[in-house]
Amino acid sequence: MFNPTREQVREFFIDVWRKYQSQEVLAALETIAAGIALEHPEYHALLSAPDAMTRQFSPENGQANPFLHLSLHLAIEEQLSINQPPGIQAAFETLRKLHGRHGAMHEVLECLGEEMFKALRDKVPPDGTAYLNSIRRRAGMPPIDN
């Protein structure tokens, strides 16, 4: 499993944004990442900022980490492309009908963030069934069995 460092994640998104702005050819994953960045105009200045690699974001001060947010979007795009965990595509489609595509992404993003927080806090692997059931609850769907 790919486990990039904080610096690698930042460098990836900054480089994708630079390439997009320069109209350079993007690899498939970069094209997806550029699309995600385009959906977040509030991050455009940061992605071009000279201090983007070192800037700190403090949840205690109410600051969300834009690179974490973009990374979660990218992870969800990959999950949807391979339907992993199984059933995420159907639950996402229901959310998309309720909230539009970007709104549905943010609903799933909340679920993923909660599951990742629990896994890190409890020092256990993420629970795919709990994650999927969280998404299904938001979509008004019944839970699946473990």
N, C-alpha and C. Protein backbone atom coordinates (compact mmCIF):
# COMPACT_ATOMS: atom_id res chain seq x y z
N MET A 1 0.85 -1.18 0.00
CA MET A 1 0.00 0.00 0.00
C MET A 1 0.89 1.24 0.00
N PHE A 2 0.55 2.21 -0.80
CA PHE A 2 1.31 3.45 -0.90
C PHE A 2 1.02 4.32 0.31
N ASN A 3 2.07 4.76 0.97
CA ASN A 3 1.92 5.57 2.17
C ASN A 3 2.84 6.79 2.05
N PRO A 4 2.40 7.82 1.31
CA PRO A 4 3.28 8.97 1.08
C PRO A 4 3.49 9.80 2.35
N THR A 5 4.61 10.47 2.38
CA THR A 5 4.89 11.39 3.47
C THR A 5 4.10 12.68 3.26
N ARG A 6 4.05 13.49 4.29
CA ARG A 6 3.40 14.80 4.19
C ARG A 6 4.00 15.61 3.04
N GLU A 7 5.32 15.58 2.94
CA GLU A 7 6.01 16.34 1.90
C GLU A 7 5.68 15.81 0.52
N GLN A 8 5.60 14.49 0.36
CA GLN A 8 5.27 13.91 -0.93
C GLN A 8 3.86 14.29 -1.38
N VAL A 9 2.93 14.29 -0.44
CA VAL A 9 1.55 14.67 -0.76
C VAL A 9 1.51 16.12 -1.22
N ARG A 10 2.14 16.98 -0.45
CA ARG A 10 2.15 18.40 -0.81
C ARG A 10 2.83 18.62 -2.15
N GLU A 11 3.96 18.00 -2.33
CA GLU A 11 4.69 18.15 -3.59
C GLU A 11 3.85 17.67 -4.77
N PHE A 12 3.15 16.56 -4.60
CA PHE A 12 2.30 16.04 -5.66
C PHE A 12 1.25 17.06 -6.08
N PHE A 13 0.47 17.58 -5.12
CA PHE A 13 -0.60 18.52 -5.45
C PHE A 13 -0.06 19.85 -5.99
N ILE A 14 1.03 20.33 -5.41
CA ILE A 14 1.64 21.58 -5.90
C ILE A 14 2.14 21.40 -7.33
N ASP A 15 2.78 20.27 -7.59
CA ASP A 15 3.30 20.00 -8.93
C ASP A 15 2.17 19.83 -9.94
N VAL A 16 1.11 19.12 -9.55
CA VAL A 16 -0.05 18.96 -10.43
C VAL A 16 -0.63 20.33 -10.78
N TRP A 17 -0.76 21.19 -9.78
CA TRP A 17 -1.34 22.51 -10.03
C TRP A 17 -0.45 23.34 -10.95
N ARG A 18 0.87 23.25 -10.73
CA ARG A 18 1.81 23.96 -11.59
C ARG A 18 1.70 23.47 -13.03
N LYS A 19 1.67 22.14 -13.20
CA LYS A 19 1.54 21.56 -14.54
C LYS A 19 0.22 21.97 -15.19
N TYR A 20 -0.85 21.94 -14.41
CA TYR A 20 -2.15 22.34 -14.95
C TYR A 20 -2.11 23.79 -15.42
N GLN A 21 -1.57 24.66 -14.57
CA GLN A 21 -1.49 26.08 -14.90
C GLN A 21 -0.64 26.31 -16.15
N SER A 22 0.40 25.51 -16.33
CA SER A 22 1.31 25.64 -17.47
C SER A 22 0.83 24.87 -18.69
N GLN A 23 -0.31 24.23 -18.55
CA GLN A 23 -0.91 23.43 -19.63
C GLN A 23 0.03 22.32 -20.09
N GLU A 24 0.74 21.72 -19.12
CA GLU A 24 1.59 20.57 -19.43
C GLU A 24 0.73 19.31 -19.46
N VAL A 25 1.26 18.29 -20.07
CA VAL A 25 0.56 17.00 -20.12
C VAL A 25 0.55 16.40 -18.72
N LEU A 26 -0.63 15.92 -18.32
CA LEU A 26 -0.80 15.32 -17.00
C LEU A 26 -1.00 13.82 -17.13
N ALA A 27 -0.42 13.06 -16.21
CA ALA A 27 -0.70 11.62 -16.13
C ALA A 27 -2.13 11.44 -15.64
N ALA A 28 -2.63 10.22 -15.75
CA ALA A 28 -4.04 9.96 -15.40
C ALA A 28 -4.36 10.39 -13.97
N LEU A 29 -3.54 10.01 -13.01
CA LEU A 29 -3.79 10.38 -11.61
C LEU A 29 -3.69 11.90 -11.43
N GLU A 30 -2.76 12.51 -12.13
CA GLU A 30 -2.62 13.96 -12.06
C GLU A 30 -3.85 14.67 -12.63
N THR A 31 -4.43 14.11 -13.67
CA THR A 31 -5.64 14.69 -14.24
C THR A 31 -6.78 14.66 -13.23
N ILE A 32 -6.90 13.57 -12.51
CA ILE A 32 -7.92 13.46 -11.47
C ILE A 32 -7.64 14.48 -10.37
N ALA A 33 -6.38 14.57 -9.95
CA ALA A 33 -6.01 15.51 -8.89
C ALA A 33 -6.25 16.96 -9.32
N ALA A 34 -5.96 17.27 -10.57
CA ALA A 34 -6.20 18.64 -11.07
C ALA A 34 -7.69 18.94 -11.04
N GLY A 35 -8.51 17.97 -11.42
CA GLY A 35 -9.96 18.15 -11.37
C GLY A 35 -10.45 18.42 -9.96
N ILE A 36 -9.88 17.72 -9.00
CA ILE A 36 -10.24 17.93 -7.60
C ILE A 36 -9.84 19.34 -7.17
N ALA A 37 -8.64 19.75 -7.54
CA ALA A 37 -8.17 21.10 -7.19
C ALA A 37 -9.07 22.16 -7.82
N LEU A 38 -9.50 21.93 -9.05
CA LEU A 38 -10.38 22.89 -9.73
C LEU A 38 -11.70 23.05 -9.00
N GLU A 39 -12.16 22.00 -8.33
CA GLU A 39 -13.41 22.07 -7.57
C GLU A 39 -13.24 22.82 -6.25
N HIS A 40 -12.01 23.20 -5.93
CA HIS A 40 -11.72 23.89 -4.67
C HIS A 40 -10.95 25.18 -4.95
N PRO A 41 -11.63 26.19 -5.49
CA PRO A 41 -10.93 27.45 -5.80
C PRO A 41 -10.33 28.12 -4.56
N GLU A 42 -10.84 27.79 -3.40
CA GLU A 42 -10.30 28.36 -2.17
C GLU A 42 -8.86 27.90 -1.91
N TYR A 43 -8.40 26.86 -2.60
CA TYR A 43 -7.04 26.34 -2.42
C TYR A 43 -6.08 26.77 -3.52
N HIS A 44 -6.56 27.42 -4.56
CA HIS A 44 -5.70 27.75 -5.70
C HIS A 44 -4.51 28.61 -5.31
N ALA A 45 -4.73 29.63 -4.52
CA ALA A 45 -3.61 30.50 -4.11
C ALA A 45 -2.59 29.72 -3.29
N LEU A 46 -3.07 28.87 -2.40
CA LEU A 46 -2.15 28.06 -1.59
C LEU A 46 -1.29 27.17 -2.47
N LEU A 47 -1.89 26.52 -3.46
CA LEU A 47 -1.15 25.60 -4.31
C LEU A 47 -0.05 26.29 -5.11
N SER A 48 -0.15 27.61 -5.26
CA SER A 48 0.87 28.40 -5.96
C SER A 48 1.78 29.17 -5.00
N ALA A 49 1.50 29.11 -3.72
CA ALA A 49 2.24 29.92 -2.73
C ALA A 49 3.65 29.37 -2.51
N PRO A 50 4.64 30.26 -2.40
CA PRO A 50 6.02 29.82 -2.17
C PRO A 50 6.19 29.01 -0.87
N ASP A 51 5.36 29.28 0.13
CA ASP A 51 5.51 28.58 1.41
C ASP A 51 4.55 27.40 1.58
N ALA A 52 3.96 26.95 0.49
CA ALA A 52 2.95 25.87 0.57
C ALA A 52 3.51 24.59 1.18
N MET A 53 4.77 24.30 0.91
CA MET A 53 5.36 23.06 1.44
C MET A 53 5.51 23.09 2.95
N THR A 54 5.66 24.26 3.53
CA THR A 54 5.95 24.34 4.97
C THR A 54 4.82 24.95 5.79
N ARG A 55 3.79 25.44 5.14
CA ARG A 55 2.70 26.09 5.88
C ARG A 55 2.05 25.10 6.86
N GLN A 56 1.73 25.61 8.03
CA GLN A 56 1.10 24.78 9.08
C GLN A 56 -0.39 25.07 9.13
N PHE A 57 -1.18 24.04 9.41
CA PHE A 57 -2.62 24.17 9.55
C PHE A 57 -3.00 23.58 10.89
N SER A 58 -3.61 24.39 11.74
CA SER A 58 -3.89 23.98 13.11
C SER A 58 -5.39 23.78 13.32
N PRO A 59 -5.82 22.52 13.54
CA PRO A 59 -7.23 22.29 13.83
C PRO A 59 -7.69 23.03 15.09
N GLU A 60 -6.77 23.23 16.01
CA GLU A 60 -7.10 23.95 17.25
C GLU A 60 -7.51 25.39 16.95
N ASN A 61 -7.00 25.93 15.85
CA ASN A 61 -7.34 27.29 15.44
C ASN A 61 -8.42 27.29 14.34
N GLY A 62 -9.07 26.15 14.16
CA GLY A 62 -10.14 26.06 13.19
C GLY A 62 -9.67 25.98 11.75
N GLN A 63 -8.42 25.58 11.54
CA GLN A 63 -7.88 25.51 10.19
C GLN A 63 -7.91 24.07 9.70
N ALA A 64 -8.57 23.87 8.58
CA ALA A 64 -8.53 22.56 7.93
C ALA A 64 -7.27 22.48 7.08
N ASN A 65 -6.72 21.29 6.95
CA ASN A 65 -5.53 21.09 6.14
C ASN A 65 -5.98 20.84 4.69
N PRO A 66 -5.73 21.80 3.80
CA PRO A 66 -6.17 21.63 2.41
C PRO A 66 -5.57 20.40 1.72
N PHE A 67 -4.33 20.07 2.06
CA PHE A 67 -3.69 18.92 1.43
C PHE A 67 -4.34 17.61 1.90
N LEU A 68 -4.72 17.56 3.15
CA LEU A 68 -5.46 16.39 3.64
C LEU A 68 -6.80 16.30 2.93
N HIS A 69 -7.49 17.42 2.81
CA HIS A 69 -8.79 17.44 2.15
C HIS A 69 -8.67 16.94 0.71
N LEU A 70 -7.71 17.46 -0.03
CA LEU A 70 -7.51 17.04 -1.42
C LEU A 70 -7.14 15.56 -1.49
N SER A 71 -6.32 15.11 -0.55
CA SER A 71 -5.91 13.70 -0.53
C SER A 71 -7.09 12.77 -0.27
N LEU A 72 -7.97 13.17 0.63
CA LEU A 72 -9.15 12.35 0.90
C LEU A 72 -10.04 12.28 -0.34
N HIS A 73 -10.19 13.40 -1.04
CA HIS A 73 -10.93 13.38 -2.30
C HIS A 73 -10.32 12.36 -3.26
N LEU A 74 -9.00 12.39 -3.39
CA LEU A 74 -8.31 11.50 -4.31
C LEU A 74 -8.50 10.04 -3.89
N ALA A 75 -8.43 9.77 -2.60
CA ALA A 75 -8.64 8.40 -2.11
C ALA A 75 -10.05 7.91 -2.44
N ILE A 76 -11.03 8.79 -2.28
CA ILE A 76 -12.41 8.41 -2.56
C ILE A 76 -12.60 8.16 -4.06
N GLU A 77 -11.99 8.98 -4.88
CA GLU A 77 -12.07 8.75 -6.33
C GLU A 77 -11.54 7.36 -6.68
N GLU A 78 -10.44 6.98 -6.06
CA GLU A 78 -9.89 5.65 -6.31
C GLU A 78 -10.83 4.56 -5.80
N GLN A 79 -11.38 4.74 -4.60
CA GLN A 79 -12.32 3.77 -4.06
C GLN A 79 -13.52 3.58 -4.98
N LEU A 80 -14.03 4.69 -5.51
CA LEU A 80 -15.17 4.62 -6.41
C LEU A 80 -14.81 3.91 -7.70
N SER A 81 -13.60 4.13 -8.19
CA SER A 81 -13.20 3.53 -9.47
C SER A 81 -13.11 2.01 -9.39
N ILE A 82 -12.86 1.47 -8.20
CA ILE A 82 -12.73 0.02 -8.05
C ILE A 82 -13.81 -0.57 -7.13
N ASN A 83 -14.78 0.26 -6.74
CA ASN A 83 -15.87 -0.18 -5.86
C ASN A 83 -15.34 -0.88 -4.61
N GLN A 84 -14.42 -0.20 -3.93
CA GLN A 84 -13.80 -0.74 -2.72
C GLN A 84 -13.92 0.28 -1.60
N PRO A 85 -14.58 0.00 -0.51
CA PRO A 85 -15.19 -1.29 -0.18
C PRO A 85 -16.40 -1.58 -1.07
N PRO A 86 -16.65 -2.88 -1.30
CA PRO A 86 -17.76 -3.25 -2.17
C PRO A 86 -19.07 -2.61 -1.71
N GLY A 87 -19.73 -1.94 -2.65
CA GLY A 87 -20.98 -1.27 -2.33
C GLY A 87 -20.85 0.24 -2.25
N ILE A 88 -19.62 0.76 -2.26
CA ILE A 88 -19.45 2.21 -2.13
C ILE A 88 -20.02 2.94 -3.35
N GLN A 89 -19.91 2.32 -4.54
CA GLN A 89 -20.44 2.99 -5.73
C GLN A 89 -21.94 3.21 -5.63
N ALA A 90 -22.68 2.20 -5.18
CA ALA A 90 -24.14 2.31 -5.08
C ALA A 90 -24.52 3.35 -4.03
N ALA A 91 -23.84 3.33 -2.89
CA ALA A 91 -24.15 4.30 -1.83
C ALA A 91 -23.80 5.71 -2.31
N PHE A 92 -22.68 5.85 -3.01
CA PHE A 92 -22.29 7.15 -3.54
C PHE A 92 -23.32 7.66 -4.53
N GLU A 93 -23.80 6.78 -5.39
CA GLU A 93 -24.79 7.18 -6.40
C GLU A 93 -26.04 7.72 -5.72
N THR A 94 -26.46 7.09 -4.64
CA THR A 94 -27.63 7.58 -3.90
C THR A 94 -27.34 8.96 -3.32
N LEU A 95 -26.15 9.14 -2.75
CA LEU A 95 -25.78 10.46 -2.22
C LEU A 95 -25.68 11.50 -3.33
N ARG A 96 -25.18 11.09 -4.49
CA ARG A 96 -25.05 12.02 -5.62
C ARG A 96 -26.42 12.55 -6.04
N LYS A 97 -27.41 11.69 -6.03
CA LYS A 97 -28.77 12.11 -6.39
C LYS A 97 -29.33 13.10 -5.37
N LEU A 98 -28.90 12.97 -4.13
CA LEU A 98 -29.37 13.86 -3.06
C LEU A 98 -28.61 15.18 -3.01
N HIS A 99 -27.30 15.14 -3.25
CA HIS A 99 -26.44 16.31 -2.98
C HIS A 99 -25.62 16.80 -4.17
N GLY A 100 -25.75 16.16 -5.33
CA GLY A 100 -24.85 16.47 -6.43
C GLY A 100 -23.52 15.75 -6.21
N ARG A 101 -22.68 15.71 -7.25
CA ARG A 101 -21.45 14.92 -7.14
C ARG A 101 -20.50 15.47 -6.07
N HIS A 102 -20.25 16.77 -6.10
CA HIS A 102 -19.30 17.33 -5.13
C HIS A 102 -19.85 17.23 -3.71
N GLY A 103 -21.12 17.48 -3.53
CA GLY A 103 -21.72 17.33 -2.21
C GLY A 103 -21.64 15.90 -1.71
N ALA A 104 -21.86 14.94 -2.62
CA ALA A 104 -21.76 13.53 -2.24
C ALA A 104 -20.32 13.19 -1.84
N MET A 105 -19.35 13.75 -2.59
CA MET A 105 -17.94 13.52 -2.23
C MET A 105 -17.66 14.00 -0.81
N HIS A 106 -18.21 15.15 -0.46
CA HIS A 106 -17.97 15.68 0.88
C HIS A 106 -18.67 14.85 1.95
N GLU A 107 -19.81 14.29 1.64
CA GLU A 107 -20.48 13.38 2.58
C GLU A 107 -19.60 12.16 2.84
N VAL A 108 -19.08 11.56 1.78
CA VAL A 108 -18.21 10.40 1.91
C VAL A 108 -16.90 10.78 2.59
N LEU A 109 -16.39 11.96 2.26
CA LEU A 109 -15.16 12.45 2.87
C LEU A 109 -15.29 12.52 4.39
N GLU A 110 -16.43 12.98 4.87
CA GLU A 110 -16.67 13.04 6.32
C GLU A 110 -16.59 11.64 6.92
N CYS A 111 -17.19 10.67 6.25
CA CYS A 111 -17.18 9.29 6.73
C CYS A 111 -15.76 8.73 6.74
N LEU A 112 -15.02 8.98 5.67
CA LEU A 112 -13.64 8.50 5.59
C LEU A 112 -12.79 9.14 6.67
N GLY A 113 -12.93 10.44 6.85
CA GLY A 113 -12.17 11.13 7.89
C GLY A 113 -12.46 10.58 9.27
N GLU A 114 -13.72 10.33 9.57
CA GLU A 114 -14.09 9.76 10.87
C GLU A 114 -13.49 8.38 11.06
N GLU A 115 -13.57 7.55 10.02
CA GLU A 115 -13.02 6.19 10.13
C GLU A 115 -11.51 6.21 10.29
N MET A 116 -10.83 7.09 9.54
CA MET A 116 -9.37 7.20 9.67
C MET A 116 -8.98 7.70 11.07
N PHE A 117 -9.74 8.66 11.60
CA PHE A 117 -9.47 9.17 12.94
C PHE A 117 -9.61 8.04 13.97
N LYS A 118 -10.69 7.26 13.87
CA LYS A 118 -10.90 6.15 14.82
C LYS A 118 -9.77 5.12 14.72
N ALA A 119 -9.37 4.80 13.50
CA ALA A 119 -8.32 3.81 13.32
C ALA A 119 -6.99 4.30 13.91
N LEU A 120 -6.66 5.55 13.67
CA LEU A 120 -5.42 6.11 14.22
C LEU A 120 -5.49 6.19 15.74
N ARG A 121 -6.62 6.66 16.26
CA ARG A 121 -6.79 6.78 17.71
C ARG A 121 -6.68 5.43 18.40
N ASP A 122 -7.34 4.42 17.82
CA ASP A 122 -7.40 3.11 18.46
C ASP A 122 -6.26 2.19 18.02
N LYS A 123 -5.42 2.69 17.10
CA LYS A 123 -4.28 1.91 16.60
C LYS A 123 -4.73 0.57 16.01
N VAL A 124 -5.77 0.64 15.17
CA VAL A 124 -6.31 -0.53 14.49
C VAL A 124 -6.47 -0.20 13.00
N PRO A 125 -6.55 -1.22 12.16
CA PRO A 125 -6.82 -0.93 10.74
C PRO A 125 -8.20 -0.31 10.57
N PRO A 126 -8.39 0.49 9.54
CA PRO A 126 -9.72 1.03 9.27
C PRO A 126 -10.72 -0.10 9.04
N ASP A 127 -11.94 0.12 9.49
CA ASP A 127 -13.01 -0.88 9.36
C ASP A 127 -13.84 -0.53 8.12
N GLY A 128 -13.63 -1.29 7.05
CA GLY A 128 -14.32 -1.02 5.79
C GLY A 128 -15.83 -1.12 5.90
N THR A 129 -16.31 -2.06 6.72
CA THR A 129 -17.76 -2.22 6.88
C THR A 129 -18.35 -1.04 7.63
N ALA A 130 -17.67 -0.60 8.68
CA ALA A 130 -18.16 0.56 9.44
C ALA A 130 -18.15 1.81 8.55
N TYR A 131 -17.11 1.96 7.75
CA TYR A 131 -17.00 3.08 6.82
C TYR A 131 -18.16 3.05 5.82
N LEU A 132 -18.39 1.90 5.20
CA LEU A 132 -19.47 1.79 4.23
C LEU A 132 -20.83 2.04 4.89
N ASN A 133 -21.03 1.51 6.09
CA ASN A 133 -22.30 1.73 6.78
C ASN A 133 -22.51 3.20 7.13
N SER A 134 -21.44 3.89 7.44
CA SER A 134 -21.53 5.33 7.71
C SER A 134 -22.01 6.07 6.45
N ILE A 135 -21.46 5.69 5.31
CA ILE A 135 -21.88 6.29 4.04
C ILE A 135 -23.35 5.94 3.76
N ARG A 136 -23.70 4.68 3.97
CA ARG A 136 -25.07 4.23 3.71
C ARG A 136 -26.06 4.97 4.60
N ARG A 137 -25.70 5.22 5.86
CA ARG A 137 -26.59 5.98 6.76
C ARG A 137 -26.85 7.37 6.20
N ARG A 138 -25.80 8.02 5.74
CA ARG A 138 -25.95 9.36 5.16
C ARG A 138 -26.82 9.34 3.91
N ALA A 139 -26.81 8.20 3.22
CA ALA A 139 -27.59 8.06 1.99
C ALA A 139 -29.02 7.57 2.27
N GLY A 140 -29.33 7.32 3.56
CA GLY A 140 -30.66 6.82 3.91
C GLY A 140 -30.84 5.36 3.55
N MET A 141 -29.75 4.62 3.48
CA MET A 141 -29.79 3.20 3.13
C MET A 141 -29.59 2.36 4.38
N PRO A 142 -30.13 1.13 4.42
CA PRO A 142 -29.94 0.29 5.59
C PRO A 142 -28.47 -0.19 5.67
N PRO A 143 -28.00 -0.48 6.87
CA PRO A 143 -26.62 -0.97 7.01
C PRO A 143 -26.48 -2.38 6.43
N ILE A 144 -25.25 -2.74 6.14
CA ILE A 144 -24.95 -4.10 5.74
C ILE A 144 -24.39 -4.84 6.95
N ASP A 145 -24.47 -6.16 6.91
CA ASP A 145 -23.93 -6.97 8.00
C ASP A 145 -22.42 -7.08 7.87
N ASN A 146 -21.76 -7.30 9.02
CA ASN A 146 -20.30 -7.47 9.00
C ASN A 146 -19.90 -8.74 8.35
